[in-house]
Amino acid sequence: MSDPALTLYFTLLAFLGGACIGSFANVCIYRIPNDESIVHPRSRCPSCGTPIAWYDNIPVLSYFRLRGRCRHCGARISMRYPIVELIMAVLFLAVWNRYGFDARTLVYMGLVAALVIATFIDIDHMIIPDRISLGGMPAGLLFSALIPALHAQTAPISSLFESGVGLLAGSGSLFLVGWLGRLAFKKEAMGMGDVKLLGTIGAFLGWPGVLFTILVSSLFGSLVGVGLVLTGGRDWQSRIPYGPYIAAAAIVWILGGSAWWDAYIRWMTGY
């Protein structure tokens, strides 16, 4: 985009739009595990139940203007709310900066939002809701058929095929890991939520994205585990679910991991 003013406009739009989606993500993170509607009723204080006015629901800014407390009852508001909004704003901006005016941009923004929601629900409740994991599989197949560029294809049928292979590779690989772990350790080694989440990731990103996600999420988990051991937090290692590592690795793929993967393959094969 050659016009600086237009570039600035869409950059701000991506950031502010991400913050607004982050505000909605907070609603999803709170309500989905409680099996509540994410659209009705409107946002309310979890302590006193008072509906939140629009001017107290401005992403990030309202939290600091209210000094982290409900206007009506004075109950403390979790710092997580502005954190999620900022994370989403930064990630949306990063997706925009990488893809710009491209059919994949909105799809990847939607996938990133789903992964952030799944991450925080998994941290809080040690579950990944089927609404996100199972619901994402048909969405991945549909968008792959509509936007073949998601899998570097030009024909919808070939893109749909790549999406299906990715879905099977994602869910099948982790299911196999879980099955082998259950045989070896006589206990659950991999949650089905992780299996389904990686299936969704595969439907959107294909089998190379699945392989990258598995490798990088394992690396993330190992680094965090080593860090916890070195800092005396070994007990926390068993309390951190695997889903956030999967989500983080998939986001890395979206933001540039695919290019790193292609460069690595060219280096390995000499082409």
Foldseek 3Di string as FASTA:
>chain_A
DPDPVVVVVVLVVLLQVQLVLLLLLVLCLPPVVVVDDSPPDADADPPPRHHDDPVCSRAPPNCVVLVQADPPPRHGHDPVSNVSSNVRSVLSSLLCVQQPPDPCSVVVSVLLSLLSSQQSSCLVPVARDCCRLVVLLVVLLVVCLVHVVLAPDDHSVVSSVQLQQQLCLQLVVQVVVQVVCCVVVVDGDADSRNSSNSSSLCSRRGNVLSVQLVVQLVVVLVVVCVVCVVVVNNVCSVSRHSSNSSSVSSSVCSSCVVVVSVVVVCVVVVD
